[in-house]
Amino acid sequence: MDPDLLQILTFVGNILPYVAIIVALGVGGSFLNTWIRIRNGYPLQNSWGMPLHPKSDGETVERIRLLTSENAQLRAEVGSMKDRLETLERIATDQPSRLARDIDALGIDKGGNA
């Protein structure tokens, strides 16, 4: 075999593992970067660095609108329930004499008539 060809093959054989390690680290780093971006809510990018946004159709937009309005209603209901719970907690933890005094201050008799 030609000594020059043997020298080239030896050089390639010696450097090939390092090239494979560099390629594996590059691919692994790319996967890790994509996983971190997805996990933290960043948009994915195309090969030009522009963000990729999912396609939205009319059905999806309508569904988002309905869910947004339902979310607002539920938040209002939770706020109302928090107010009621605070009132009940105050009634339960107040002194009975103070509660009776507050009811008397409202002018309500024991029959429930004002």
PDB file of N, CA and C in Angstrom:
ATOM      1  N   MET A   1       0.849  -1.174   0.000  1.00  0.00           N
ATOM      2  CA  MET A   1       0.000   0.000   0.000  1.00  0.00           C
ATOM      3  C   MET A   1       0.899   1.243   0.000  1.00  0.00           C
ATOM      4  N   ASP A   2       0.374   2.286  -0.619  1.00  0.00           N
ATOM      5  CA  ASP A   2       1.125   3.528  -0.746  1.00  0.00           C
ATOM      6  C   ASP A   2       1.313   4.167   0.628  1.00  0.00           C
ATOM      7  N   PRO A   3       2.506   4.606   0.989  1.00  0.00           N
ATOM      8  CA  PRO A   3       2.757   5.196   2.314  1.00  0.00           C
ATOM      9  C   PRO A   3       1.968   6.495   2.527  1.00  0.00           C
ATOM     10  N   ASP A   4       1.770   7.283   1.468  1.00  0.00           N
ATOM     11  CA  ASP A   4       1.001   8.522   1.615  1.00  0.00           C
ATOM     12  C   ASP A   4      -0.463   8.220   1.931  1.00  0.00           C
ATOM     13  N   LEU A   5      -1.029   7.232   1.240  1.00  0.00           N
ATOM     14  CA  LEU A   5      -2.422   6.839   1.494  1.00  0.00           C
ATOM     15  C   LEU A   5      -2.573   6.274   2.902  1.00  0.00           C
ATOM     16  N   LEU A   6      -1.598   5.511   3.348  1.00  0.00           N
ATOM     17  CA  LEU A   6      -1.621   4.961   4.695  1.00  0.00           C
ATOM     18  C   LEU A   6      -1.559   6.074   5.743  1.00  0.00           C
ATOM     19  N   GLN A   7      -0.762   7.082   5.479  1.00  0.00           N
ATOM     20  CA  GLN A   7      -0.646   8.205   6.401  1.00  0.00           C
ATOM     21  C   GLN A   7      -1.972   8.978   6.459  1.00  0.00           C
ATOM     22  N   ILE A   8      -2.642   9.177   5.338  1.00  0.00           N
ATOM     23  CA  ILE A   8      -3.931   9.888   5.295  1.00  0.00           C
ATOM     24  C   ILE A   8      -4.991   9.078   6.037  1.00  0.00           C
ATOM     25  N   LEU A   9      -5.039   7.778   5.788  1.00  0.00           N
ATOM     26  CA  LEU A   9      -6.022   6.928   6.459  1.00  0.00           C
ATOM     27  C   LEU A   9      -5.788   6.903   7.964  1.00  0.00           C
ATOM     28  N   THR A  10      -4.565   6.908   8.399  1.00  0.00           N
ATOM     29  CA  THR A  10      -4.245   6.940   9.822  1.00  0.00           C
ATOM     30  C   THR A  10      -4.702   8.255  10.438  1.00  0.00           C
ATOM     31  N   PHE A  11      -4.452   9.353   9.719  1.00  0.00           N
ATOM     32  CA  PHE A  11      -4.877  10.671  10.205  1.00  0.00           C
ATOM     33  C   PHE A  11      -6.401  10.739  10.329  1.00  0.00           C
ATOM     34  N   VAL A  12      -7.107  10.273   9.299  1.00  0.00           N
ATOM     35  CA  VAL A  12      -8.581  10.276   9.323  1.00  0.00           C
ATOM     36  C   VAL A  12      -9.074   9.358  10.435  1.00  0.00           C
ATOM     37  N   GLY A  13      -8.464   8.218  10.611  1.00  0.00           N
ATOM     38  CA  GLY A  13      -8.861   7.289  11.667  1.00  0.00           C
ATOM     39  C   GLY A  13      -8.650   7.870  13.056  1.00  0.00           C
ATOM     40  N   ASN A  14      -7.623   8.689  13.203  1.00  0.00           N
ATOM     41  CA  ASN A  14      -7.348   9.303  14.504  1.00  0.00           C
ATOM     42  C   ASN A  14      -8.288  10.480  14.791  1.00  0.00           C
ATOM     43  N   ILE A  15      -8.692  11.206  13.778  1.00  0.00           N
ATOM     44  CA  ILE A  15      -9.502  12.410  13.991  1.00  0.00           C
ATOM     45  C   ILE A  15     -11.005  12.098  13.952  1.00  0.00           C
ATOM     46  N   LEU A  16     -11.389  10.988  13.378  1.00  0.00           N
ATOM     47  CA  LEU A  16     -12.809  10.653  13.228  1.00  0.00           C
ATOM     48  C   LEU A  16     -13.568  10.591  14.557  1.00  0.00           C
ATOM     49  N   PRO A  17     -13.052  10.015  15.634  1.00  0.00           N
ATOM     50  CA  PRO A  17     -13.795  10.017  16.903  1.00  0.00           C
ATOM     51  C   PRO A  17     -14.057  11.426  17.432  1.00  0.00           C
ATOM     52  N   TYR A  18     -13.100  12.324  17.248  1.00  0.00           N
ATOM     53  CA  TYR A  18     -13.284  13.698  17.720  1.00  0.00           C
ATOM     54  C   TYR A  18     -14.364  14.413  16.910  1.00  0.00           C
ATOM     55  N   VAL A  19     -14.399  14.181  15.629  1.00  0.00           N
ATOM     56  CA  VAL A  19     -15.436  14.771  14.776  1.00  0.00           C
ATOM     57  C   VAL A  19     -16.807  14.232  15.189  1.00  0.00           C
ATOM     58  N   ALA A  20     -16.880  12.932  15.452  1.00  0.00           N
ATOM     59  CA  ALA A  20     -18.153  12.336  15.867  1.00  0.00           C
ATOM     60  C   ALA A  20     -18.614  12.922  17.199  1.00  0.00           C
ATOM     61  N   ILE A  21     -17.706  13.155  18.124  1.00  0.00           N
ATOM     62  CA  ILE A  21     -18.064  13.749  19.421  1.00  0.00           C
ATOM     63  C   ILE A  21     -18.571  15.170  19.227  1.00  0.00           C
ATOM     64  N   ILE A  22     -17.912  15.952  18.382  1.00  0.00           N
ATOM     65  CA  ILE A  22     -18.335  17.332  18.134  1.00  0.00           C
ATOM     66  C   ILE A  22     -19.726  17.358  17.498  1.00  0.00           C
ATOM     67  N   VAL A  23     -19.977  16.479  16.544  1.00  0.00           N
ATOM     68  CA  VAL A  23     -21.290  16.420  15.904  1.00  0.00           C
ATOM     69  C   VAL A  23     -22.351  16.004  16.915  1.00  0.00           C
ATOM     70  N   ALA A  24     -22.066  15.020  17.739  1.00  0.00           N
ATOM     71  CA  ALA A  24     -23.032  14.569  18.747  1.00  0.00           C
ATOM     72  C   ALA A  24     -23.339  15.674  19.749  1.00  0.00           C
ATOM     73  N   LEU A  25     -22.329  16.432  20.164  1.00  0.00           N
ATOM     74  CA  LEU A  25     -22.555  17.547  21.086  1.00  0.00           C
ATOM     75  C   LEU A  25     -23.397  18.639  20.431  1.00  0.00           C
ATOM     76  N   GLY A  26     -23.169  18.890  19.164  1.00  0.00           N
ATOM     77  CA  GLY A  26     -23.965  19.896  18.449  1.00  0.00           C
ATOM     78  C   GLY A  26     -25.430  19.498  18.338  1.00  0.00           C
ATOM     79  N   VAL A  27     -25.678  18.249  17.977  1.00  0.00           N
ATOM     80  CA  VAL A  27     -27.058  17.768  17.867  1.00  0.00           C
ATOM     81  C   VAL A  27     -27.719  17.741  19.240  1.00  0.00           C
ATOM     82  N   GLY A  28     -27.014  17.259  20.247  1.00  0.00           N
ATOM     83  CA  GLY A  28     -27.562  17.231  21.605  1.00  0.00           C
ATOM     84  C   GLY A  28     -27.861  18.629  22.120  1.00  0.00           C
ATOM     85  N   GLY A  29     -26.971  19.583  21.840  1.00  0.00           N
ATOM     86  CA  GLY A  29     -27.198  20.970  22.246  1.00  0.00           C
ATOM     87  C   GLY A  29     -28.413  21.564  21.562  1.00  0.00           C
ATOM     88  N   SER A  30     -28.608  21.232  20.308  1.00  0.00           N
ATOM     89  CA  SER A  30     -29.782  21.722  19.585  1.00  0.00           C
ATOM     90  C   SER A  30     -31.063  21.162  20.193  1.00  0.00           C
ATOM     91  N   PHE A  31     -31.073  19.880  20.496  1.00  0.00           N
ATOM     92  CA  PHE A  31     -32.251  19.277  21.139  1.00  0.00           C
ATOM     93  C   PHE A  31     -32.508  19.902  22.509  1.00  0.00           C
ATOM     94  N   LEU A  32     -31.465  20.111  23.283  1.00  0.00           N
ATOM     95  CA  LEU A  32     -31.600  20.720  24.604  1.00  0.00           C
ATOM     96  C   LEU A  32     -32.148  22.147  24.500  1.00  0.00           C
ATOM     97  N   ASN A  33     -31.631  22.907  23.543  1.00  0.00           N
ATOM     98  CA  ASN A  33     -32.105  24.276  23.337  1.00  0.00           C
ATOM     99  C   ASN A  33     -33.593  24.290  22.973  1.00  0.00           C
ATOM    100  N   THR A  34     -34.006  23.414  22.075  1.00  0.00           N
ATOM    101  CA  THR A  34     -35.407  23.351  21.673  1.00  0.00           C
ATOM    102  C   THR A  34     -36.283  22.940  22.849  1.00  0.00           C
ATOM    103  N   TRP A  35     -35.845  21.964  23.633  1.00  0.00           N
ATOM    104  CA  TRP A  35     -36.621  21.512  24.790  1.00  0.00           C
ATOM    105  C   TRP A  35     -36.795  22.637  25.801  1.00  0.00           C
ATOM    106  N   ILE A  36     -35.734  23.390  26.074  1.00  0.00           N
ATOM    107  CA  ILE A  36     -35.814  24.506  27.024  1.00  0.00           C
ATOM    108  C   ILE A  36     -36.750  25.593  26.509  1.00  0.00           C
ATOM    109  N   ARG A  37     -36.681  25.889  25.211  1.00  0.00           N
ATOM    110  CA  ARG A  37     -37.562  26.917  24.638  1.00  0.00           C
ATOM    111  C   ARG A  37     -39.023  26.493  24.745  1.00  0.00           C
ATOM    112  N   ILE A  38     -39.327  25.234  24.449  1.00  0.00           N
ATOM    113  CA  ILE A  38     -40.706  24.750  24.543  1.00  0.00           C
ATOM    114  C   ILE A  38     -41.165  24.778  25.994  1.00  0.00           C
ATOM    115  N   ARG A  39     -40.334  24.335  26.903  1.00  0.00           N
ATOM    116  CA  ARG A  39     -40.689  24.265  28.318  1.00  0.00           C
ATOM    117  C   ARG A  39     -40.991  25.643  28.904  1.00  0.00           C
ATOM    118  N   ASN A  40     -40.294  26.675  28.449  1.00  0.00           N
ATOM    119  CA  ASN A  40     -40.474  28.014  28.981  1.00  0.00           C
ATOM    120  C   ASN A  40     -41.412  28.876  28.150  1.00  0.00           C
ATOM    121  N   GLY A  41     -42.055  28.303  27.154  1.00  0.00           N
ATOM    122  CA  GLY A  41     -43.085  29.009  26.406  1.00  0.00           C
ATOM    123  C   GLY A  41     -42.592  29.902  25.287  1.00  0.00           C
ATOM    124  N   TYR A  42     -41.349  29.795  24.894  1.00  0.00           N
ATOM    125  CA  TYR A  42     -40.857  30.598  23.781  1.00  0.00           C
ATOM    126  C   TYR A  42     -41.286  29.972  22.459  1.00  0.00           C
ATOM    127  N   PRO A  43     -41.532  30.786  21.437  1.00  0.00           N
ATOM    128  CA  PRO A  43     -41.915  30.189  20.149  1.00  0.00           C
ATOM    129  C   PRO A  43     -40.712  29.507  19.496  1.00  0.00           C
ATOM    130  N   LEU A  44     -40.997  28.468  18.758  1.00  0.00           N
ATOM    131  CA  LEU A  44     -39.936  27.804  18.012  1.00  0.00           C
ATOM    132  C   LEU A  44     -39.534  28.688  16.841  1.00  0.00           C
ATOM    133  N   GLN A  45     -38.342  28.462  16.287  1.00  0.00           N
ATOM    134  CA  GLN A  45     -37.851  29.286  15.186  1.00  0.00           C
ATOM    135  C   GLN A  45     -37.578  28.432  13.971  1.00  0.00           C
ATOM    136  N   ASN A  46     -37.735  29.062  12.783  1.00  0.00           N
ATOM    137  CA  ASN A  46     -37.362  28.363  11.564  1.00  0.00           C
ATOM    138  C   ASN A  46     -35.867  28.534  11.332  1.00  0.00           C
ATOM    139  N   SER A  47     -35.374  28.096  10.194  1.00  0.00           N
ATOM    140  CA  SER A  47     -33.938  28.153   9.938  1.00  0.00           C
ATOM    141  C   SER A  47     -33.418  29.579   9.780  1.00  0.00           C
ATOM    142  N   TRP A  48     -34.313  30.549   9.558  1.00  0.00           N
ATOM    143  CA  TRP A  48     -33.910  31.948   9.421  1.00  0.00           C
ATOM    144  C   TRP A  48     -34.034  32.705  10.737  1.00  0.00           C
ATOM    145  N   GLY A  49     -34.412  32.031  11.807  1.00  0.00           N
ATOM    146  CA  GLY A  49     -34.533  32.677  13.103  1.00  0.00           C
ATOM    147  C   GLY A  49     -35.865  33.359  13.336  1.00  0.00           C
ATOM    148  N   MET A  50     -36.806  33.180  12.435  1.00  0.00           N
ATOM    149  CA  MET A  50     -38.131  33.792  12.573  1.00  0.00           C
ATOM    150  C   MET A  50     -39.010  32.848  13.404  1.00  0.00           C
ATOM    151  N   PRO A  51     -39.831  33.402  14.314  1.00  0.00           N
ATOM    152  CA  PRO A  51     -40.664  32.531  15.151  1.00  0.00           C
ATOM    153  C   PRO A  51     -41.746  31.826  14.335  1.00  0.00           C
ATOM    154  N   LEU A  52     -41.990  30.578  14.693  1.00  0.00           N
ATOM    155  CA  LEU A  52     -43.058  29.795  14.073  1.00  0.00           C
ATOM    156  C   LEU A  52     -44.278  29.880  14.966  1.00  0.00           C
ATOM    157  N   HIS A  53     -45.387  30.275  14.404  1.00  0.00           N
ATOM    158  CA  HIS A  53     -46.622  30.361  15.167  1.00  0.00           C
ATOM    159  C   HIS A  53     -47.586  29.318  14.632  1.00  0.00           C
ATOM    160  N   PRO A  54     -48.340  28.669  15.526  1.00  0.00           N
ATOM    161  CA  PRO A  54     -49.292  27.678  15.048  1.00  0.00           C
ATOM    162  C   PRO A  54     -50.383  28.340  14.219  1.00  0.00           C
ATOM    163  N   LYS A  55     -50.866  27.619  13.265  1.00  0.00           N
ATOM    164  CA  LYS A  55     -51.955  28.114  12.428  1.00  0.00           C
ATOM    165  C   LYS A  55     -53.222  28.192  13.268  1.00  0.00           C
ATOM    166  N   SER A  56     -53.998  29.248  13.057  1.00  0.00           N
ATOM    167  CA  SER A  56     -55.252  29.368  13.795  1.00  0.00           C
ATOM    168  C   SER A  56     -56.397  29.483  12.790  1.00  0.00           C
ATOM    169  N   ASP A  57     -57.424  28.724  13.046  1.00  0.00           N
ATOM    170  CA  ASP A  57     -58.598  28.792  12.185  1.00  0.00           C
ATOM    171  C   ASP A  57     -59.739  29.433  12.964  1.00  0.00           C
ATOM    172  N   GLY A  58     -60.862  29.600  12.329  1.00  0.00           N
ATOM    173  CA  GLY A  58     -62.009  30.250  12.960  1.00  0.00           C
ATOM    174  C   GLY A  58     -62.490  29.507  14.183  1.00  0.00           C
ATOM    175  N   GLU A  59     -62.462  28.184  14.131  1.00  0.00           N
ATOM    176  CA  GLU A  59     -62.931  27.379  15.261  1.00  0.00           C
ATOM    177  C   GLU A  59     -62.044  27.596  16.488  1.00  0.00           C
ATOM    178  N   THR A  60     -60.750  27.650  16.273  1.00  0.00           N
ATOM    179  CA  THR A  60     -59.825  27.864  17.382  1.00  0.00           C
ATOM    180  C   THR A  60     -60.017  29.248  17.992  1.00  0.00           C
ATOM    181  N   VAL A  61     -60.180  30.258  17.152  1.00  0.00           N
ATOM    182  CA  VAL A  61     -60.377  31.617  17.647  1.00  0.00           C
ATOM    183  C   VAL A  61     -61.670  31.703  18.455  1.00  0.00           C
ATOM    184  N   GLU A  62     -62.743  31.070  17.964  1.00  0.00           N
ATOM    185  CA  GLU A  62     -64.022  31.074  18.686  1.00  0.00           C
ATOM    186  C   GLU A  62     -63.892  30.352  20.020  1.00  0.00           C
ATOM    187  N   ARG A  63     -63.177  29.249  20.023  1.00  0.00           N
ATOM    188  CA  ARG A  63     -62.987  28.492  21.262  1.00  0.00           C
ATOM    189  C   ARG A  63     -62.209  29.315  22.291  1.00  0.00           C
ATOM    190  N   ILE A  64     -61.187  30.013  21.842  1.00  0.00           N
ATOM    191  CA  ILE A  64     -60.414  30.866  22.751  1.00  0.00           C
ATOM    192  C   ILE A  64     -61.294  31.972  23.306  1.00  0.00           C
ATOM    193  N   ARG A  65     -62.140  32.570  22.464  1.00  0.00           N
ATOM    194  CA  ARG A  65     -63.026  33.636  22.926  1.00  0.00           C
ATOM    195  C   ARG A  65     -63.991  33.114  23.983  1.00  0.00           C
ATOM    196  N   LEU A  66     -64.572  31.931  23.753  1.00  0.00           N
ATOM    197  CA  LEU A  66     -65.502  31.346  24.727  1.00  0.00           C
ATOM    198  C   LEU A  66     -64.794  31.014  26.041  1.00  0.00           C
ATOM    199  N   LEU A  67     -63.608  30.452  25.946  1.00  0.00           N
ATOM    200  CA  LEU A  67     -62.863  30.119  27.159  1.00  0.00           C
ATOM    201  C   LEU A  67     -62.455  31.370  27.930  1.00  0.00           C
ATOM    202  N   THR A  68     -62.142  32.438  27.224  1.00  0.00           N
ATOM    203  CA  THR A  68     -61.784  33.692  27.888  1.00  0.00           C
ATOM    204  C   THR A  68     -62.969  34.262  28.645  1.00  0.00           C
ATOM    205  N   SER A  69     -64.144  34.235  28.021  1.00  0.00           N
ATOM    206  CA  SER A  69     -65.328  34.766  28.712  1.00  0.00           C
ATOM    207  C   SER A  69     -65.703  33.883  29.901  1.00  0.00           C
ATOM    208  N   GLU A  70     -65.578  32.566  29.745  1.00  0.00           N
ATOM    209  CA  GLU A  70     -65.870  31.669  30.866  1.00  0.00           C
ATOM    210  C   GLU A  70     -64.877  31.893  32.007  1.00  0.00           C
ATOM    211  N   ASN A  71     -63.620  32.135  31.654  1.00  0.00           N
ATOM    212  CA  ASN A  71     -62.606  32.403  32.668  1.00  0.00           C
ATOM    213  C   ASN A  71     -62.947  33.665  33.449  1.00  0.00           C
ATOM    214  N   ALA A  72     -63.401  34.711  32.751  1.00  0.00           N
ATOM    215  CA  ALA A  72     -63.770  35.955  33.431  1.00  0.00           C
ATOM    216  C   ALA A  72     -64.947  35.732  34.374  1.00  0.00           C
ATOM    217  N   GLN A  73     -65.942  34.955  33.945  1.00  0.00           N
ATOM    218  CA  GLN A  73     -67.096  34.662  34.804  1.00  0.00           C
ATOM    219  C   GLN A  73     -66.665  33.888  36.041  1.00  0.00           C
ATOM    220  N   LEU A  74     -65.819  32.902  35.860  1.00  0.00           N
ATOM    221  CA  LEU A  74     -65.374  32.099  36.999  1.00  0.00           C
ATOM    222  C   LEU A  74     -64.534  32.922  37.970  1.00  0.00           C
ATOM    223  N   ARG A  75     -63.730  33.829  37.452  1.00  0.00           N
ATOM    224  CA  ARG A  75     -62.947  34.693  38.331  1.00  0.00           C
ATOM    225  C   ARG A  75     -63.861  35.589  39.161  1.00  0.00           C
ATOM    226  N   ALA A  76     -64.925  36.111  38.534  1.00  0.00           N
ATOM    227  CA  ALA A  76     -65.869  36.955  39.272  1.00  0.00           C
ATOM    228  C   ALA A  76     -66.568  36.140  40.357  1.00  0.00           C
ATOM    229  N   GLU A  77     -66.939  34.914  40.045  1.00  0.00           N
ATOM    230  CA  GLU A  77     -67.606  34.050  41.017  1.00  0.00           C
ATOM    231  C   GLU A  77     -66.676  33.720  42.180  1.00  0.00           C
ATOM    232  N   VAL A  78     -65.417  33.438  41.881  1.00  0.00           N
ATOM    233  CA  VAL A  78     -64.451  33.144  42.946  1.00  0.00           C
ATOM    234  C   VAL A  78     -64.259  34.372  43.832  1.00  0.00           C
ATOM    235  N   GLY A  79     -64.213  35.560  43.238  1.00  0.00           N
ATOM    236  CA  GLY A  79     -64.089  36.777  44.030  1.00  0.00           C
ATOM    237  C   GLY A  79     -65.266  36.959  44.968  1.00  0.00           C
ATOM    238  N   SER A  80     -66.481  36.690  44.465  1.00  0.00           N
ATOM    239  CA  SER A  80     -67.678  36.784  45.295  1.00  0.00           C
ATOM    240  C   SER A  80     -67.627  35.767  46.439  1.00  0.00           C
ATOM    241  N   MET A  81     -67.181  34.561  46.144  1.00  0.00           N
ATOM    242  CA  MET A  81     -67.100  33.525  47.167  1.00  0.00           C
ATOM    243  C   MET A  81     -66.053  33.885  48.227  1.00  0.00           C
ATOM    244  N   LYS A  82     -64.957  34.527  47.812  1.00  0.00           N
ATOM    245  CA  LYS A  82     -63.948  34.958  48.780  1.00  0.00           C
ATOM    246  C   LYS A  82     -64.542  35.988  49.746  1.00  0.00           C
ATOM    247  N   ASP A  83     -65.325  36.924  49.202  1.00  0.00           N
ATOM    248  CA  ASP A  83     -65.963  37.929  50.060  1.00  0.00           C
ATOM    249  C   ASP A  83     -66.902  37.264  51.064  1.00  0.00           C
ATOM    250  N   ARG A  84     -67.696  36.316  50.607  1.00  0.00           N
ATOM    251  CA  ARG A  84     -68.620  35.613  51.504  1.00  0.00           C
ATOM    252  C   ARG A  84     -67.861  34.836  52.571  1.00  0.00           C
ATOM    253  N   LEU A  85     -66.788  34.186  52.168  1.00  0.00           N
ATOM    254  CA  LEU A  85     -66.001  33.402  53.115  1.00  0.00           C
ATOM    255  C   LEU A  85     -65.381  34.309  54.182  1.00  0.00           C
ATOM    256  N   GLU A  86     -64.889  35.473  53.776  1.00  0.00           N
ATOM    257  CA  GLU A  86     -64.333  36.403  54.755  1.00  0.00           C
ATOM    258  C   GLU A  86     -65.395  36.835  55.758  1.00  0.00           C
ATOM    259  N   THR A  87     -66.612  37.084  55.278  1.00  0.00           N
ATOM    260  CA  THR A  87     -67.710  37.467  56.175  1.00  0.00           C
ATOM    261  C   THR A  87     -68.019  36.341  57.149  1.00  0.00           C
ATOM    262  N   LEU A  88     -68.106  35.120  56.637  1.00  0.00           N
ATOM    263  CA  LEU A  88     -68.391  33.975  57.509  1.00  0.00           C
ATOM    264  C   LEU A  88     -67.269  33.751  58.522  1.00  0.00           C
ATOM    265  N   GLU A  89     -66.033  33.914  58.110  1.00  0.00           N
ATOM    266  CA  GLU A  89     -64.917  33.768  59.046  1.00  0.00           C
ATOM    267  C   GLU A  89     -64.980  34.833  60.133  1.00  0.00           C
ATOM    268  N   ARG A  90     -65.326  36.053  59.750  1.00  0.00           N
ATOM    269  CA  ARG A  90     -65.432  37.132  60.733  1.00  0.00           C
ATOM    270  C   ARG A  90     -66.551  36.830  61.723  1.00  0.00           C
ATOM    271  N   ILE A  91     -67.688  36.338  61.230  1.00  0.00           N
ATOM    272  CA  ILE A  91     -68.811  36.009  62.116  1.00  0.00           C
ATOM    273  C   ILE A  91     -68.414  34.887  63.074  1.00  0.00           C
ATOM    274  N   ALA A  92     -67.716  33.882  62.550  1.00  0.00           N
ATOM    275  CA  ALA A  92     -67.352  32.729  63.377  1.00  0.00           C
ATOM    276  C   ALA A  92     -66.316  33.083  64.435  1.00  0.00           C
ATOM    277  N   THR A  93     -65.452  34.046  64.157  1.00  0.00           N
ATOM    278  CA  THR A  93     -64.384  34.357  65.095  1.00  0.00           C
ATOM    279  C   THR A  93     -64.700  35.549  66.005  1.00  0.00           C
ATOM    280  N   ASP A  94     -65.746  36.300  65.712  1.00  0.00           N
ATOM    281  CA  ASP A  94     -66.117  37.436  66.560  1.00  0.00           C
ATOM    282  C   ASP A  94     -66.697  36.955  67.888  1.00  0.00           C
ATOM    283  N   GLN A  95     -66.632  37.836  68.865  1.00  0.00           N
ATOM    284  CA  GLN A  95     -67.246  37.557  70.173  1.00  0.00           C
ATOM    285  C   GLN A  95     -68.768  37.576  70.012  1.00  0.00           C
ATOM    286  N   PRO A  96     -69.486  36.667  70.691  1.00  0.00           N
ATOM    287  CA  PRO A  96     -70.948  36.637  70.561  1.00  0.00           C
ATOM    288  C   PRO A  96     -71.605  37.950  70.974  1.00  0.00           C
ATOM    289  N   SER A  97     -71.073  38.607  71.989  1.00  0.00           N
ATOM    290  CA  SER A  97     -71.681  39.866  72.424  1.00  0.00           C
ATOM    291  C   SER A  97     -71.521  40.945  71.355  1.00  0.00           C
ATOM    292  N   ARG A  98     -70.375  40.951  70.671  1.00  0.00           N
ATOM    293  CA  ARG A  98     -70.163  41.934  69.600  1.00  0.00           C
ATOM    294  C   ARG A  98     -71.083  41.648  68.433  1.00  0.00           C
ATOM    295  N   LEU A  99     -71.271  40.376  68.083  1.00  0.00           N
ATOM    296  CA  LEU A  99     -72.170  40.005  66.998  1.00  0.00           C
ATOM    297  C   LEU A  99     -73.594  40.436  67.323  1.00  0.00           C
ATOM    298  N   ALA A 100     -74.034  40.191  68.562  1.00  0.00           N
ATOM    299  CA  ALA A 100     -75.386  40.597  68.960  1.00  0.00           C
ATOM    300  C   ALA A 100     -75.518  42.114  68.908  1.00  0.00           C
ATOM    301  N   ARG A 101     -74.488  42.825  69.319  1.00  0.00           N
ATOM    302  CA  ARG A 101     -74.518  44.282  69.287  1.00  0.00           C
ATOM    303  C   ARG A 101     -74.610  44.799  67.842  1.00  0.00           C
ATOM    304  N   ASP A 102     -73.868  44.158  66.918  1.00  0.00           N
ATOM    305  CA  ASP A 102     -73.919  44.566  65.512  1.00  0.00           C
ATOM    306  C   ASP A 102     -75.296  44.299  64.915  1.00  0.00           C
ATOM    307  N   ILE A 103     -75.905  43.166  65.265  1.00  0.00           N
ATOM    308  CA  ILE A 103     -77.247  42.853  64.758  1.00  0.00           C
ATOM    309  C   ILE A 103     -78.256  43.849  65.313  1.00  0.00           C
ATOM    310  N   ASP A 104     -78.123  44.192  66.596  1.00  0.00           N
ATOM    311  CA  ASP A 104     -79.019  45.192  67.187  1.00  0.00           C
ATOM    312  C   ASP A 104     -78.833  46.549  66.525  1.00  0.00           C
ATOM    313  N   ALA A 105     -77.625  46.871  66.130  1.00  0.00           N
ATOM    314  CA  ALA A 105     -77.353  48.154  65.482  1.00  0.00           C
ATOM    315  C   ALA A 105     -78.013  48.219  64.106  1.00  0.00           C
ATOM    316  N   LEU A 106     -78.209  47.075  63.490  1.00  0.00           N
ATOM    317  CA  LEU A 106     -78.880  47.056  62.193  1.00  0.00           C
ATOM    318  C   LEU A 106     -80.378  47.297  62.330  1.00  0.00           C
ATOM    319  N   GLY A 107     -80.927  47.149  63.524  1.00  0.00           N
ATOM    320  CA  GLY A 107     -82.346  47.383  63.752  1.00  0.00           C
ATOM    321  C   GLY A 107     -83.234  46.216  63.342  1.00  0.00           C
ATOM    322  N   ILE A 108     -82.708  45.022  63.425  1.00  0.00           N
ATOM    323  CA  ILE A 108     -83.503  43.830  63.070  1.00  0.00           C
ATOM    324  C   ILE A 108     -83.978  43.196  64.380  1.00  0.00           C
ATOM    325  N   ASP A 109     -85.306  42.972  64.477  1.00  0.00           N
ATOM    326  CA  ASP A 109     -85.799  42.306  65.687  1.00  0.00           C
ATOM    327  C   ASP A 109     -85.671  40.802  65.525  1.00  0.00           C
ATOM    328  N   LYS A 110     -85.978  40.076  66.580  1.00  0.00           N
ATOM    329  CA  LYS A 110     -85.759  38.630  66.571  1.00  0.00           C
ATOM    330  C   LYS A 110     -86.720  37.900  65.621  1.00  0.00           C
ATOM    331  N   GLY A 111     -87.802  38.537  65.216  1.00  0.00           N
ATOM    332  CA  GLY A 111     -88.746  37.909  64.301  1.00  0.00           C
ATOM    333  C   GLY A 111     -88.293  38.033  62.856  1.00  0.00           C
ATOM    334  N   GLY A 112     -87.219  38.784  62.594  1.00  0.00           N
ATOM    335  CA  GLY A 112     -86.723  38.922  61.243  1.00  0.00           C
ATOM    336  C   GLY A 112     -87.277  40.141  60.542  1.00  0.00           C
ATOM    337  N   ASN A 113     -88.060  40.967  61.228  1.00  0.00           N
ATOM    338  CA  ASN A 113     -88.616  42.178  60.622  1.00  0.00           C
ATOM    339  C   ASN A 113     -87.787  43.387  61.014  1.00  0.00           C
ATOM    340  N   ALA A 114     -87.701  44.307  60.095  1.00  0.00           N
ATOM    341  CA  ALA A 114     -86.920  45.510  60.350  1.00  0.00           C
ATOM    342  C   ALA A 114     -87.780  46.577  60.993  1.00  0.00           C
TER     343      ALA A 114
END
